[in-house]
mmCIF file of all heavy atoms, coordinates in Angstrom:
data_MODEL
# 
_entry.id   MODEL 
# 
loop_
_atom_site.group_PDB 
_atom_site.id 
_atom_site.type_symbol 
_atom_site.label_atom_id 
_atom_site.label_alt_id 
_atom_site.label_comp_id 
_atom_site.label_asym_id 
_atom_site.label_entity_id 
_atom_site.label_seq_id 
_atom_site.pdbx_PDB_ins_code 
_atom_site.Cartn_x 
_atom_site.Cartn_y 
_atom_site.Cartn_z 
_atom_site.occupancy 
_atom_site.B_iso_or_equiv 
_atom_site.pdbx_formal_charge 
_atom_site.auth_seq_id 
_atom_site.auth_comp_id 
_atom_site.auth_asym_id 
_atom_site.auth_atom_id 
_atom_site.pdbx_PDB_model_num 
ATOM 1   N N   . LEU A 1 1  ? 61.206 19.296 -8.532  1.00 0.00 ? 1  LEU A N   1 
ATOM 2   C CA  . LEU A 1 1  ? 61.358 18.477 -7.311  1.00 0.00 ? 1  LEU A CA  1 
ATOM 3   C C   . LEU A 1 1  ? 60.005 17.889 -6.930  1.00 0.00 ? 1  LEU A C   1 
ATOM 4   O O   . LEU A 1 1  ? 59.946 16.729 -6.428  1.00 0.00 ? 1  LEU A O   1 
ATOM 5   C CB  . LEU A 1 1  ? 61.898 19.354 -6.177  1.00 0.00 ? 1  LEU A CB  1 
ATOM 6   C CG  . LEU A 1 1  ? 63.413 19.649 -6.265  1.00 0.00 ? 1  LEU A CG  1 
ATOM 7   C CD1 . LEU A 1 1  ? 63.813 20.713 -5.281  1.00 0.00 ? 1  LEU A CD1 1 
ATOM 8   C CD2 . LEU A 1 1  ? 64.196 18.388 -6.078  1.00 0.00 ? 1  LEU A CD2 1 
ATOM 9   N N   . LEU A 1 2  ? 58.910 18.636 -7.053  1.00 0.00 ? 2  LEU A N   1 
ATOM 10  C CA  . LEU A 1 2  ? 57.610 18.074 -6.753  1.00 0.00 ? 2  LEU A CA  1 
ATOM 11  C C   . LEU A 1 2  ? 57.241 16.899 -7.715  1.00 0.00 ? 2  LEU A C   1 
ATOM 12  O O   . LEU A 1 2  ? 56.614 15.946 -7.263  1.00 0.00 ? 2  LEU A O   1 
ATOM 13  C CB  . LEU A 1 2  ? 56.543 19.187 -6.816  1.00 0.00 ? 2  LEU A CB  1 
ATOM 14  C CG  . LEU A 1 2  ? 56.638 20.277 -5.786  1.00 0.00 ? 2  LEU A CG  1 
ATOM 15  C CD1 . LEU A 1 2  ? 55.541 21.331 -5.976  1.00 0.00 ? 2  LEU A CD1 1 
ATOM 16  C CD2 . LEU A 1 2  ? 56.579 19.713 -4.367  1.00 0.00 ? 2  LEU A CD2 1 
ATOM 17  N N   . ASN A 1 3  ? 57.680 17.033 -8.946  1.00 0.00 ? 3  ASN A N   1 
ATOM 18  C CA  . ASN A 1 3  ? 57.468 15.933 -9.893  1.00 0.00 ? 3  ASN A CA  1 
ATOM 19  C C   . ASN A 1 3  ? 58.288 14.726 -9.475  1.00 0.00 ? 3  ASN A C   1 
ATOM 20  O O   . ASN A 1 3  ? 57.835 13.579 -9.526  1.00 0.00 ? 3  ASN A O   1 
ATOM 21  C CB  . ASN A 1 3  ? 57.840 16.383 -11.282 1.00 0.00 ? 3  ASN A CB  1 
ATOM 22  C CG  . ASN A 1 3  ? 57.538 15.359 -12.353 1.00 0.00 ? 3  ASN A CG  1 
ATOM 23  O OD1 . ASN A 1 3  ? 56.411 14.856 -12.443 1.00 0.00 ? 3  ASN A OD1 1 
ATOM 24  N ND2 . ASN A 1 3  ? 58.523 14.952 -13.137 1.00 0.00 ? 3  ASN A ND2 1 
ATOM 25  N N   . ALA A 1 4  ? 59.570 14.966 -9.054  1.00 0.00 ? 4  ALA A N   1 
ATOM 26  C CA  . ALA A 1 4  ? 60.443 13.891 -8.606  1.00 0.00 ? 4  ALA A CA  1 
ATOM 27  C C   . ALA A 1 4  ? 59.896 13.169 -7.379  1.00 0.00 ? 4  ALA A C   1 
ATOM 28  O O   . ALA A 1 4  ? 60.201 12.001 -7.128  1.00 0.00 ? 4  ALA A O   1 
ATOM 29  C CB  . ALA A 1 4  ? 61.857 14.409 -8.357  1.00 0.00 ? 4  ALA A CB  1 
ATOM 30  N N   . LEU A 1 5  ? 59.141 13.910 -6.576  1.00 0.00 ? 5  LEU A N   1 
ATOM 31  C CA  . LEU A 1 5  ? 58.544 13.366 -5.340  1.00 0.00 ? 5  LEU A CA  1 
ATOM 32  C C   . LEU A 1 5  ? 57.599 12.176 -5.674  1.00 0.00 ? 5  LEU A C   1 
ATOM 33  O O   . LEU A 1 5  ? 57.253 11.404 -4.804  1.00 0.00 ? 5  LEU A O   1 
ATOM 34  C CB  . LEU A 1 5  ? 57.834 14.454 -4.581  1.00 0.00 ? 5  LEU A CB  1 
ATOM 35  C CG  . LEU A 1 5  ? 57.573 14.265 -3.084  1.00 0.00 ? 5  LEU A CG  1 
ATOM 36  C CD1 . LEU A 1 5  ? 58.859 13.999 -2.318  1.00 0.00 ? 5  LEU A CD1 1 
ATOM 37  C CD2 . LEU A 1 5  ? 56.872 15.476 -2.524  1.00 0.00 ? 5  LEU A CD2 1 
ATOM 38  N N   . LYS A 1 6  ? 57.167 12.127 -6.921  1.00 0.00 ? 6  LYS A N   1 
ATOM 39  C CA  . LYS A 1 6  ? 56.262 11.050 -7.368  1.00 0.00 ? 6  LYS A CA  1 
ATOM 40  C C   . LYS A 1 6  ? 56.922 10.038 -8.276  1.00 0.00 ? 6  LYS A C   1 
ATOM 41  O O   . LYS A 1 6  ? 56.278 9.132  -8.783  1.00 0.00 ? 6  LYS A O   1 
ATOM 42  C CB  . LYS A 1 6  ? 55.057 11.683 -8.115  1.00 0.00 ? 6  LYS A CB  1 
ATOM 43  C CG  . LYS A 1 6  ? 54.272 12.700 -7.304  1.00 0.00 ? 6  LYS A CG  1 
ATOM 44  C CD  . LYS A 1 6  ? 53.137 13.328 -8.105  1.00 0.00 ? 6  LYS A CD  1 
ATOM 45  C CE  . LYS A 1 6  ? 53.679 14.312 -9.123  1.00 0.00 ? 6  LYS A CE  1 
ATOM 46  N NZ  . LYS A 1 6  ? 52.622 15.051 -9.862  1.00 0.00 ? 6  LYS A NZ  1 
ATOM 47  N N   . MET A 1 7  ? 58.223 10.212 -8.505  1.00 0.00 ? 7  MET A N   1 
ATOM 48  C CA  . MET A 1 7  ? 58.953 9.341  -9.446  1.00 0.00 ? 7  MET A CA  1 
ATOM 49  C C   . MET A 1 7  ? 59.525 8.101  -8.748  1.00 0.00 ? 7  MET A C   1 
ATOM 50  O O   . MET A 1 7  ? 59.911 8.126  -7.604  1.00 0.00 ? 7  MET A O   1 
ATOM 51  C CB  . MET A 1 7  ? 60.148 10.095 -10.056 1.00 0.00 ? 7  MET A CB  1 
ATOM 52  C CG  . MET A 1 7  ? 59.843 10.930 -11.270 1.00 0.00 ? 7  MET A CG  1 
ATOM 53  S SD  . MET A 1 7  ? 61.417 11.647 -11.870 1.00 0.00 ? 7  MET A SD  1 
ATOM 54  C CE  . MET A 1 7  ? 60.770 12.580 -13.290 1.00 0.00 ? 7  MET A CE  1 
ATOM 55  N N   . ASP A 1 8  ? 59.568 6.999  -9.510  1.00 0.00 ? 8  ASP A N   1 
ATOM 56  C CA  . ASP A 1 8  ? 60.340 5.829  -9.075  1.00 0.00 ? 8  ASP A CA  1 
ATOM 57  C C   . ASP A 1 8  ? 61.781 6.026  -9.553  1.00 0.00 ? 8  ASP A C   1 
ATOM 58  O O   . ASP A 1 8  ? 62.047 6.704  -10.559 1.00 0.00 ? 8  ASP A O   1 
ATOM 59  C CB  . ASP A 1 8  ? 59.780 4.555  -9.669  1.00 0.00 ? 8  ASP A CB  1 
ATOM 60  C CG  . ASP A 1 8  ? 58.402 4.203  -9.038  1.00 0.00 ? 8  ASP A CG  1 
ATOM 61  O OD1 . ASP A 1 8  ? 58.201 4.513  -7.821  1.00 0.00 ? 8  ASP A OD1 1 
ATOM 62  O OD2 . ASP A 1 8  ? 57.556 3.639  -9.738  1.00 0.00 ? 8  ASP A OD2 1 
ATOM 63  N N   . PRO A 1 9  ? 62.761 5.448  -8.830  1.00 0.00 ? 9  PRO A N   1 
ATOM 64  C CA  . PRO A 1 9  ? 62.643 4.658  -7.620  1.00 0.00 ? 9  PRO A CA  1 
ATOM 65  C C   . PRO A 1 9  ? 62.521 5.514  -6.392  1.00 0.00 ? 9  PRO A C   1 
ATOM 66  O O   . PRO A 1 9  ? 62.578 6.730  -6.439  1.00 0.00 ? 9  PRO A O   1 
ATOM 67  C CB  . PRO A 1 9  ? 63.941 3.866  -7.637  1.00 0.00 ? 9  PRO A CB  1 
ATOM 68  C CG  . PRO A 1 9  ? 64.929 4.777  -8.291  1.00 0.00 ? 9  PRO A CG  1 
ATOM 69  C CD  . PRO A 1 9  ? 64.152 5.482  -9.367  1.00 0.00 ? 9  PRO A CD  1 
ATOM 70  N N   . LEU A 1 10 ? 62.416 4.816  -5.232  1.00 0.00 ? 10 LEU A N   1 
ATOM 71  C CA  . LEU A 1 10 ? 62.184 5.481  -3.947  1.00 0.00 ? 10 LEU A CA  1 
ATOM 72  C C   . LEU A 1 10 ? 63.294 6.472  -3.624  1.00 0.00 ? 10 LEU A C   1 
ATOM 73  O O   . LEU A 1 10 ? 63.026 7.564  -3.070  1.00 0.00 ? 10 LEU A O   1 
ATOM 74  C CB  . LEU A 1 10 ? 62.095 4.435  -2.859  1.00 0.00 ? 10 LEU A CB  1 
ATOM 75  C CG  . LEU A 1 10 ? 61.921 4.938  -1.399  1.00 0.00 ? 10 LEU A CG  1 
ATOM 76  C CD1 . LEU A 1 10 ? 60.632 5.729  -1.278  1.00 0.00 ? 10 LEU A CD1 1 
ATOM 77  C CD2 . LEU A 1 10 ? 61.973 3.794  -0.424  1.00 0.00 ? 10 LEU A CD2 1 
ATOM 78  N N   . ILE A 1 11 ? 64.523 6.139  -3.968  1.00 0.00 ? 11 ILE A N   1 
ATOM 79  C CA  . ILE A 1 11 ? 65.676 7.034  -3.651  1.00 0.00 ? 11 ILE A CA  1 
ATOM 80  C C   . ILE A 1 11 ? 65.482 8.430  -4.264  1.00 0.00 ? 11 ILE A C   1 
ATOM 81  O O   . ILE A 1 11 ? 65.923 9.448  -3.712  1.00 0.00 ? 11 ILE A O   1 
ATOM 82  C CB  . ILE A 1 11 ? 66.995 6.400  -4.051  1.00 0.00 ? 11 ILE A CB  1 
ATOM 83  C CG1 . ILE A 1 11 ? 68.151 7.165  -3.453  1.00 0.00 ? 11 ILE A CG1 1 
ATOM 84  C CG2 . ILE A 1 11 ? 67.118 6.281  -5.577  1.00 0.00 ? 11 ILE A CG2 1 
ATOM 85  C CD1 . ILE A 1 11 ? 69.519 6.490  -3.598  1.00 0.00 ? 11 ILE A CD1 1 
ATOM 86  N N   . ILE A 1 12 ? 64.838 8.481  -5.422  1.00 0.00 ? 12 ILE A N   1 
ATOM 87  C CA  . ILE A 1 12 ? 64.571 9.759  -6.086  1.00 0.00 ? 12 ILE A CA  1 
ATOM 88  C C   . ILE A 1 12 ? 63.535 10.565 -5.266  1.00 0.00 ? 12 ILE A C   1 
ATOM 89  O O   . ILE A 1 12 ? 63.705 11.778 -5.042  1.00 0.00 ? 12 ILE A O   1 
ATOM 90  C CB  . ILE A 1 12 ? 64.082 9.560  -7.526  1.00 0.00 ? 12 ILE A CB  1 
ATOM 91  C CG1 . ILE A 1 12 ? 65.119 8.866  -8.376  1.00 0.00 ? 12 ILE A CG1 1 
ATOM 92  C CG2 . ILE A 1 12 ? 63.621 10.879 -8.158  1.00 0.00 ? 12 ILE A CG2 1 
ATOM 93  C CD1 . ILE A 1 12 ? 66.359 9.705  -8.652  1.00 0.00 ? 12 ILE A CD1 1 
ATOM 94  N N   . GLN A 1 13 ? 62.513 9.902  -4.802  1.00 0.00 ? 13 GLN A N   1 
ATOM 95  C CA  . GLN A 1 13 ? 61.497 10.562 -3.993  1.00 0.00 ? 13 GLN A CA  1 
ATOM 96  C C   . GLN A 1 13 ? 62.102 11.093 -2.709  1.00 0.00 ? 13 GLN A C   1 
ATOM 97  O O   . GLN A 1 13 ? 61.799 12.258 -2.282  1.00 0.00 ? 13 GLN A O   1 
ATOM 98  C CB  . GLN A 1 13 ? 60.349 9.582  -3.684  1.00 0.00 ? 13 GLN A CB  1 
ATOM 99  C CG  . GLN A 1 13 ? 59.666 9.044  -4.928  1.00 0.00 ? 13 GLN A CG  1 
ATOM 100 C CD  . GLN A 1 13 ? 58.711 7.917  -4.571  1.00 0.00 ? 13 GLN A CD  1 
ATOM 101 O OE1 . GLN A 1 13 ? 58.118 7.866  -3.504  1.00 0.00 ? 13 GLN A OE1 1 
ATOM 102 N NE2 . GLN A 1 13 ? 58.563 6.977  -5.512  1.00 0.00 ? 13 GLN A NE2 1 
ATOM 103 N N   . ILE A 1 14 ? 62.975 10.320 -2.037  1.00 0.00 ? 14 ILE A N   1 
ATOM 104 C CA  . ILE A 1 14 ? 63.593 10.748 -0.801  1.00 0.00 ? 14 ILE A CA  1 
ATOM 105 C C   . ILE A 1 14 ? 64.487 11.953 -1.065  1.00 0.00 ? 14 ILE A C   1 
ATOM 106 O O   . ILE A 1 14 ? 64.501 12.935 -0.313  1.00 0.00 ? 14 ILE A O   1 
ATOM 107 C CB  . ILE A 1 14 ? 64.355 9.581  -0.148  1.00 0.00 ? 14 ILE A CB  1 
ATOM 108 C CG1 . ILE A 1 14 ? 63.334 8.536  0.317   1.00 0.00 ? 14 ILE A CG1 1 
ATOM 109 C CG2 . ILE A 1 14 ? 65.183 10.071 1.024   1.00 0.00 ? 14 ILE A CG2 1 
ATOM 110 C CD1 . ILE A 1 14 ? 64.012 7.235  0.803   1.00 0.00 ? 14 ILE A CD1 1 
ATOM 111 N N   . GLY A 1 15 ? 65.281 11.894 -2.146  1.00 0.00 ? 15 GLY A N   1 
ATOM 112 C CA  . GLY A 1 15 ? 66.169 12.982 -2.498  1.00 0.00 ? 15 GLY A CA  1 
ATOM 113 C C   . GLY A 1 15 ? 65.403 14.223 -2.749  1.00 0.00 ? 15 GLY A C   1 
ATOM 114 O O   . GLY A 1 15 ? 65.810 15.369 -2.361  1.00 0.00 ? 15 GLY A O   1 
ATOM 115 N N   . ALA A 1 16 ? 64.282 14.132 -3.402  1.00 0.00 ? 16 ALA A N   1 
ATOM 116 C CA  . ALA A 1 16 ? 63.396 15.292 -3.658  1.00 0.00 ? 16 ALA A CA  1 
ATOM 117 C C   . ALA A 1 16 ? 62.884 15.894 -2.356  1.00 0.00 ? 16 ALA A C   1 
ATOM 118 O O   . ALA A 1 16 ? 62.902 17.143 -2.194  1.00 0.00 ? 16 ALA A O   1 
ATOM 119 C CB  . ALA A 1 16 ? 62.246 14.902 -4.566  1.00 0.00 ? 16 ALA A CB  1 
ATOM 120 N N   . ALA A 1 17 ? 62.429 15.094 -1.445  1.00 0.00 ? 17 ALA A N   1 
ATOM 121 C CA  . ALA A 1 17 ? 61.971 15.560 -0.153  1.00 0.00 ? 17 ALA A CA  1 
ATOM 122 C C   . ALA A 1 17 ? 63.057 16.292 0.606   1.00 0.00 ? 17 ALA A C   1 
ATOM 123 O O   . ALA A 1 17 ? 62.841 17.345 1.218   1.00 0.00 ? 17 ALA A O   1 
ATOM 124 C CB  . ALA A 1 17 ? 61.415 14.416 0.680   1.00 0.00 ? 17 ALA A CB  1 
ATOM 125 N N   . GLN A 1 18 ? 64.281 15.739 0.555   1.00 0.00 ? 18 GLN A N   1 
ATOM 126 C CA  . GLN A 1 18 ? 65.406 16.368 1.248   1.00 0.00 ? 18 GLN A CA  1 
ATOM 127 C C   . GLN A 1 18 ? 65.766 17.717 0.627   1.00 0.00 ? 18 GLN A C   1 
ATOM 128 O O   . GLN A 1 18 ? 66.117 18.680 1.349   1.00 0.00 ? 18 GLN A O   1 
ATOM 129 C CB  . GLN A 1 18 ? 66.585 15.405 1.252   1.00 0.00 ? 18 GLN A CB  1 
ATOM 130 C CG  . GLN A 1 18 ? 66.404 14.208 2.118   1.00 0.00 ? 18 GLN A CG  1 
ATOM 131 C CD  . GLN A 1 18 ? 67.459 13.115 1.927   1.00 0.00 ? 18 GLN A CD  1 
ATOM 132 O OE1 . GLN A 1 18 ? 68.180 13.108 0.902   1.00 0.00 ? 18 GLN A OE1 1 
ATOM 133 N NE2 . GLN A 1 18 ? 67.564 12.219 2.886   1.00 0.00 ? 18 GLN A NE2 1 
ATOM 134 N N   . ALA A 1 19 ? 65.692 17.779 -0.688  1.00 0.00 ? 19 ALA A N   1 
ATOM 135 C CA  . ALA A 1 19 ? 65.975 19.077 -1.388  1.00 0.00 ? 19 ALA A CA  1 
ATOM 136 C C   . ALA A 1 19 ? 64.882 20.090 -1.048  1.00 0.00 ? 19 ALA A C   1 
ATOM 137 O O   . ALA A 1 19 ? 65.189 21.270 -0.843  1.00 0.00 ? 19 ALA A O   1 
ATOM 138 C CB  . ALA A 1 19 ? 66.065 18.842 -2.885  1.00 0.00 ? 19 ALA A CB  1 
ATOM 139 N N   . LEU A 1 20 ? 63.648 19.673 -0.978  1.00 0.00 ? 20 LEU A N   1 
ATOM 140 C CA  . LEU A 1 20 ? 62.566 20.563 -0.630  1.00 0.00 ? 20 LEU A CA  1 
ATOM 141 C C   . LEU A 1 20 ? 62.727 21.054 0.841   1.00 0.00 ? 20 LEU A C   1 
ATOM 142 O O   . LEU A 1 20 ? 62.392 22.209 1.180   1.00 0.00 ? 20 LEU A O   1 
ATOM 143 C CB  . LEU A 1 20 ? 61.231 19.890 -0.797  1.00 0.00 ? 20 LEU A CB  1 
ATOM 144 C CG  . LEU A 1 20 ? 60.818 19.650 -2.272  1.00 0.00 ? 20 LEU A CG  1 
ATOM 145 C CD1 . LEU A 1 20 ? 59.639 18.679 -2.335  1.00 0.00 ? 20 LEU A CD1 1 
ATOM 146 C CD2 . LEU A 1 20 ? 60.461 20.965 -2.978  1.00 0.00 ? 20 LEU A CD2 1 
ATOM 147 N N   . GLU A 1 21 ? 63.247 20.196 1.702   1.00 0.00 ? 21 GLU A N   1 
ATOM 148 C CA  . GLU A 1 21 ? 63.538 20.605 3.084   1.00 0.00 ? 21 GLU A CA  1 
ATOM 149 C C   . GLU A 1 21 ? 64.522 21.756 3.081   1.00 0.00 ? 21 GLU A C   1 
ATOM 150 O O   . GLU A 1 21 ? 64.348 22.733 3.837   1.00 0.00 ? 21 GLU A O   1 
ATOM 151 C CB  . GLU A 1 21 ? 64.138 19.409 3.862   1.00 0.00 ? 21 GLU A CB  1 
ATOM 152 C CG  . GLU A 1 21 ? 64.511 19.710 5.275   1.00 0.00 ? 21 GLU A CG  1 
ATOM 153 C CD  . GLU A 1 21 ? 65.168 18.543 5.955   1.00 0.00 ? 21 GLU A CD  1 
ATOM 154 O OE1 . GLU A 1 21 ? 65.330 17.495 5.338   1.00 0.00 ? 21 GLU A OE1 1 
ATOM 155 O OE2 . GLU A 1 21 ? 65.581 18.710 7.160   1.00 0.00 ? 21 GLU A OE2 1 
ATOM 156 N N   . ARG A 1 22 ? 65.619 21.639 2.274   1.00 0.00 ? 22 ARG A N   1 
ATOM 157 C CA  . ARG A 1 22 ? 66.583 22.718 2.213   1.00 0.00 ? 22 ARG A CA  1 
ATOM 158 C C   . ARG A 1 22 ? 66.009 23.995 1.644   1.00 0.00 ? 22 ARG A C   1 
ATOM 159 O O   . ARG A 1 22 ? 66.277 25.084 2.109   1.00 0.00 ? 22 ARG A O   1 
ATOM 160 C CB  . ARG A 1 22 ? 67.813 22.268 1.354   1.00 0.00 ? 22 ARG A CB  1 
ATOM 161 C CG  . ARG A 1 22 ? 68.654 21.205 2.016   1.00 0.00 ? 22 ARG A CG  1 
ATOM 162 C CD  . ARG A 1 22 ? 69.988 21.035 1.308   1.00 0.00 ? 22 ARG A CD  1 
ATOM 163 N NE  . ARG A 1 22 ? 69.796 20.592 -0.054  1.00 0.00 ? 22 ARG A NE  1 
ATOM 164 C CZ  . ARG A 1 22 ? 69.642 19.297 -0.429  1.00 0.00 ? 22 ARG A CZ  1 
ATOM 165 N NH1 . ARG A 1 22 ? 69.684 18.379 0.509   1.00 0.00 ? 22 ARG A NH1 1 
ATOM 166 N NH2 . ARG A 1 22 ? 69.499 18.971 -1.670  1.00 0.00 ? 22 ARG A NH2 1 
ATOM 167 N N   . ILE A 1 23 ? 65.194 23.871 0.615   1.00 0.00 ? 23 ILE A N   1 
ATOM 168 C CA  . ILE A 1 23 ? 64.587 25.038 -0.037  1.00 0.00 ? 23 ILE A CA  1 
ATOM 169 C C   . ILE A 1 23 ? 63.778 25.833 0.965   1.00 0.00 ? 23 ILE A C   1 
ATOM 170 O O   . ILE A 1 23 ? 63.819 27.072 1.028   1.00 0.00 ? 23 ILE A O   1 
ATOM 171 C CB  . ILE A 1 23 ? 63.757 24.636 -1.239  1.00 0.00 ? 23 ILE A CB  1 
ATOM 172 C CG1 . ILE A 1 23 ? 64.669 24.305 -2.437  1.00 0.00 ? 23 ILE A CG1 1 
ATOM 173 C CG2 . ILE A 1 23 ? 62.741 25.743 -1.651  1.00 0.00 ? 23 ILE A CG2 1 
ATOM 174 C CD1 . ILE A 1 23 ? 63.967 23.783 -3.652  1.00 0.00 ? 23 ILE A CD1 1 
ATOM 175 N N   . GLN A 1 24 ? 63.043 25.094 1.859   1.00 0.00 ? 24 GLN A N   1 
ATOM 176 C CA  . GLN A 1 24 ? 62.154 25.773 2.768   1.00 0.00 ? 24 GLN A CA  1 
ATOM 177 C C   . GLN A 1 24 ? 62.875 26.470 3.914   1.00 0.00 ? 24 GLN A C   1 
ATOM 178 O O   . GLN A 1 24 ? 62.277 27.235 4.694   1.00 0.00 ? 24 GLN A O   1 
ATOM 179 C CB  . GLN A 1 24 ? 61.132 24.808 3.339   1.00 0.00 ? 24 GLN A CB  1 
ATOM 180 C CG  . GLN A 1 24 ? 60.099 24.357 2.337   1.00 0.00 ? 24 GLN A CG  1 
ATOM 181 C CD  . GLN A 1 24 ? 58.937 23.627 2.888   1.00 0.00 ? 24 GLN A CD  1 
ATOM 182 O OE1 . GLN A 1 24 ? 57.811 24.016 2.773   1.00 0.00 ? 24 GLN A OE1 1 
ATOM 183 N NE2 . GLN A 1 24 ? 59.245 22.508 3.564   1.00 0.00 ? 24 GLN A NE2 1 
# 
């Protein structure tokens, strides 16, 4: 997920941030 946070396109980065929100 941290790797995806740096990936294009933007929707992937946002999805990664949302998944990290749930993990925390």
